């Protein structure tokens, strides 16, 4: 089965939703890349929600100039990334994902001069992540 390939450029605070989020199923053989370039005065906080086990070949990776994190067997976790640039990649395996499979990542710009905990930021956007996107949208702006 043919997969989906996509690339998005993100320059503001958004929630990224998996394709087919509202239907509870994304495509097998998908490779999507999300290039994040926020205001240089910001650090990135990533708020992750997952409704699948990642027990198959599905993978999310987050790369910055200084680090790379890859999540295959365990879901990603909420975290602060020092800096304003990152690349997020999602890949799904060749098998049809189980019904109810969906994920979202909140990408939040937090000014370097302002202290907010990861928990505080992720709690602020949790309801918007849970309600999902409008229709088939992939991105929801939070600016």
Protein backbone atom coordinates (compact mmCIF):
# COMPACT_ATOMS: atom_id res chain seq x y z
CA UNK A 1 0.00 0.00 0.00
CA UNK A 2 1.30 3.43 -0.87
CA UNK A 3 2.05 5.69 2.01
CA UNK A 4 1.92 9.39 2.56
CA UNK A 5 4.90 11.73 2.31
CA UNK A 6 4.66 15.27 3.61
CA UNK A 7 6.75 18.19 4.78
CA UNK A 8 5.53 21.16 6.83
CA UNK A 9 7.36 24.33 7.88
CA UNK A 10 6.30 25.67 11.26
CA UNK A 11 7.17 29.14 12.53
CA UNK A 12 4.68 29.64 15.36
CA UNK A 13 3.07 27.90 18.31
CA UNK A 14 0.92 25.07 16.93
CA UNK A 15 -0.45 21.62 17.57
CA UNK A 16 0.53 19.02 14.96
CA UNK A 17 -2.06 16.27 14.52
CA UNK A 18 -1.56 12.95 12.79
CA UNK A 19 -3.29 12.62 9.41
CA UNK A 20 -6.74 11.12 9.98
CA UNK A 21 -6.71 12.16 13.68
CA UNK A 22 -10.50 12.50 13.91
CA UNK A 23 -10.99 9.13 12.20
CA UNK A 24 -8.52 7.43 14.53
CA UNK A 25 -6.25 6.10 11.81
CA UNK A 26 -3.22 7.35 9.92
CA UNK A 27 -1.78 5.78 6.78
CA UNK A 28 0.76 2.97 6.80
CA UNK A 29 4.10 3.71 5.09
CA UNK A 30 3.93 7.38 6.01
CA UNK A 31 6.93 9.66 6.28
CA UNK A 32 6.21 13.20 7.42
CA UNK A 33 8.69 15.85 8.43
CA UNK A 34 7.90 19.02 10.39
CA UNK A 35 10.63 21.67 10.24
CA UNK A 36 10.31 24.00 13.23
CA UNK A 37 11.88 27.45 13.20
CA UNK A 38 10.44 29.64 15.96
CA UNK A 39 11.43 33.11 17.16
CA UNK A 40 15.12 33.09 18.23
CA UNK A 41 14.06 34.48 21.62
CA UNK A 42 12.17 31.23 22.35
CA UNK A 43 12.83 27.74 23.57
CA UNK A 44 10.57 24.96 22.31
CA UNK A 45 8.35 22.93 24.59
CA UNK A 46 6.88 19.77 23.06
CA UNK A 47 3.64 18.37 24.51
CA UNK A 48 2.94 14.84 23.28
CA UNK A 49 -0.29 12.81 23.25
CA UNK A 50 -0.38 9.31 21.84
CA UNK A 51 -3.18 6.79 21.36
CA UNK A 52 -1.18 3.89 20.02
CA UNK A 53 1.37 1.52 21.49
CA UNK A 54 4.27 2.17 19.08
CA UNK A 55 4.84 -1.58 19.27
CA UNK A 56 5.07 -1.90 15.49
CA UNK A 57 7.36 0.00 13.15
CA UNK A 58 5.93 3.45 13.93
CA UNK A 59 8.45 6.04 15.06
CA UNK A 60 8.67 9.68 16.05
CA UNK A 61 12.04 11.41 16.21
CA UNK A 62 12.98 14.92 17.32
CA UNK A 63 16.27 16.36 16.13
CA UNK A 64 18.05 19.59 17.06
CA UNK A 65 21.58 20.80 16.33
CA UNK A 66 22.73 19.24 19.60
CA UNK A 67 20.61 16.15 20.10
CA UNK A 68 18.43 13.50 18.58
CA UNK A 69 15.67 11.59 20.35
CA UNK A 70 13.90 8.68 18.73
CA UNK A 71 10.73 7.10 20.10
CA UNK A 72 9.86 3.67 18.72
CA UNK A 73 8.80 1.32 21.48
CA UNK A 74 7.81 3.99 23.99
CA UNK A 75 5.72 7.10 23.29
CA UNK A 76 7.42 10.50 23.31
CA UNK A 77 7.16 12.55 26.47
CA UNK A 78 6.60 16.23 27.20
CA UNK A 79 9.91 18.05 27.14
CA UNK A 80 11.72 21.36 26.78
CA UNK A 81 14.20 21.76 23.96
CA UNK A 82 16.86 24.42 24.44
CA UNK A 83 16.71 26.53 21.32
CA UNK A 84 14.19 27.57 18.70
CA UNK A 85 14.86 25.08 15.90
CA UNK A 86 14.06 21.39 15.57
CA UNK A 87 12.89 18.79 13.10
CA UNK A 88 10.19 16.29 13.99
CA UNK A 89 9.79 13.18 11.85
CA UNK A 90 6.98 10.64 11.92
CA UNK A 91 7.24 7.29 10.15
CA UNK A 92 4.70 4.51 10.16
CA UNK A 93 5.38 0.91 9.27
CA UNK A 94 3.88 -1.12 6.43
CA UNK A 95 1.01 -2.54 8.49
CA UNK A 96 -2.38 -0.91 8.84
CA UNK A 97 -2.34 0.86 12.23
CA UNK A 98 -4.80 -0.41 14.84
CA UNK A 99 -8.15 1.38 15.02
CA UNK A 100 -7.95 4.44 17.25
CA UNK A 101 -4.33 5.20 16.34
CA UNK A 102 -3.58 8.91 16.51
CA UNK A 103 -1.10 11.33 18.00
CA UNK A 104 -0.53 15.04 18.48
CA UNK A 105 2.45 17.20 19.35
CA UNK A 106 2.06 20.67 20.78
CA UNK A 107 4.95 22.89 19.67
CA UNK A 108 5.04 25.86 22.04
CA UNK A 109 7.32 28.90 21.93
CA UNK A 110 8.32 29.99 25.45
CA UNK A 111 10.41 33.18 25.71
CA UNK A 112 13.85 32.47 27.17
CA UNK A 113 13.30 35.34 29.64
CA UNK A 114 10.13 33.74 31.05
CA UNK A 115 10.05 30.68 33.28
CA UNK A 116 7.18 28.27 32.70
CA UNK A 117 7.43 24.59 33.51
CA UNK A 118 6.79 21.92 30.90
CA UNK A 119 3.83 20.68 32.98
CA UNK A 120 2.30 24.16 33.12
CA UNK A 121 2.59 24.70 29.37
CA UNK A 122 1.28 21.26 28.45
CA UNK A 123 -1.64 21.57 30.88
CA UNK A 124 -2.59 24.88 29.21
CA UNK A 125 -3.01 23.26 25.78
CA UNK A 126 -4.23 19.78 26.83
CA UNK A 127 -7.92 20.50 26.10
CA UNK A 128 -7.10 21.77 22.61
CA UNK A 129 -5.01 18.68 21.92
CA UNK A 130 -7.82 16.41 23.15
CA UNK A 131 -10.49 18.10 21.02
CA UNK A 132 -8.46 17.50 17.87
CA UNK A 133 -8.27 19.50 14.68
CA UNK A 134 -11.03 21.09 12.65
CA UNK A 135 -11.95 18.51 10.01
CA UNK A 136 -8.93 17.00 8.29
CA UNK A 137 -6.53 19.78 9.33
CA UNK A 138 -3.03 18.77 10.38
CA UNK A 139 -2.05 21.99 12.15
CA UNK A 140 -3.90 24.12 14.70
CA UNK A 141 -2.40 27.54 15.43
CA UNK A 142 -2.18 28.56 19.08
CA UNK A 143 -0.78 32.08 18.49
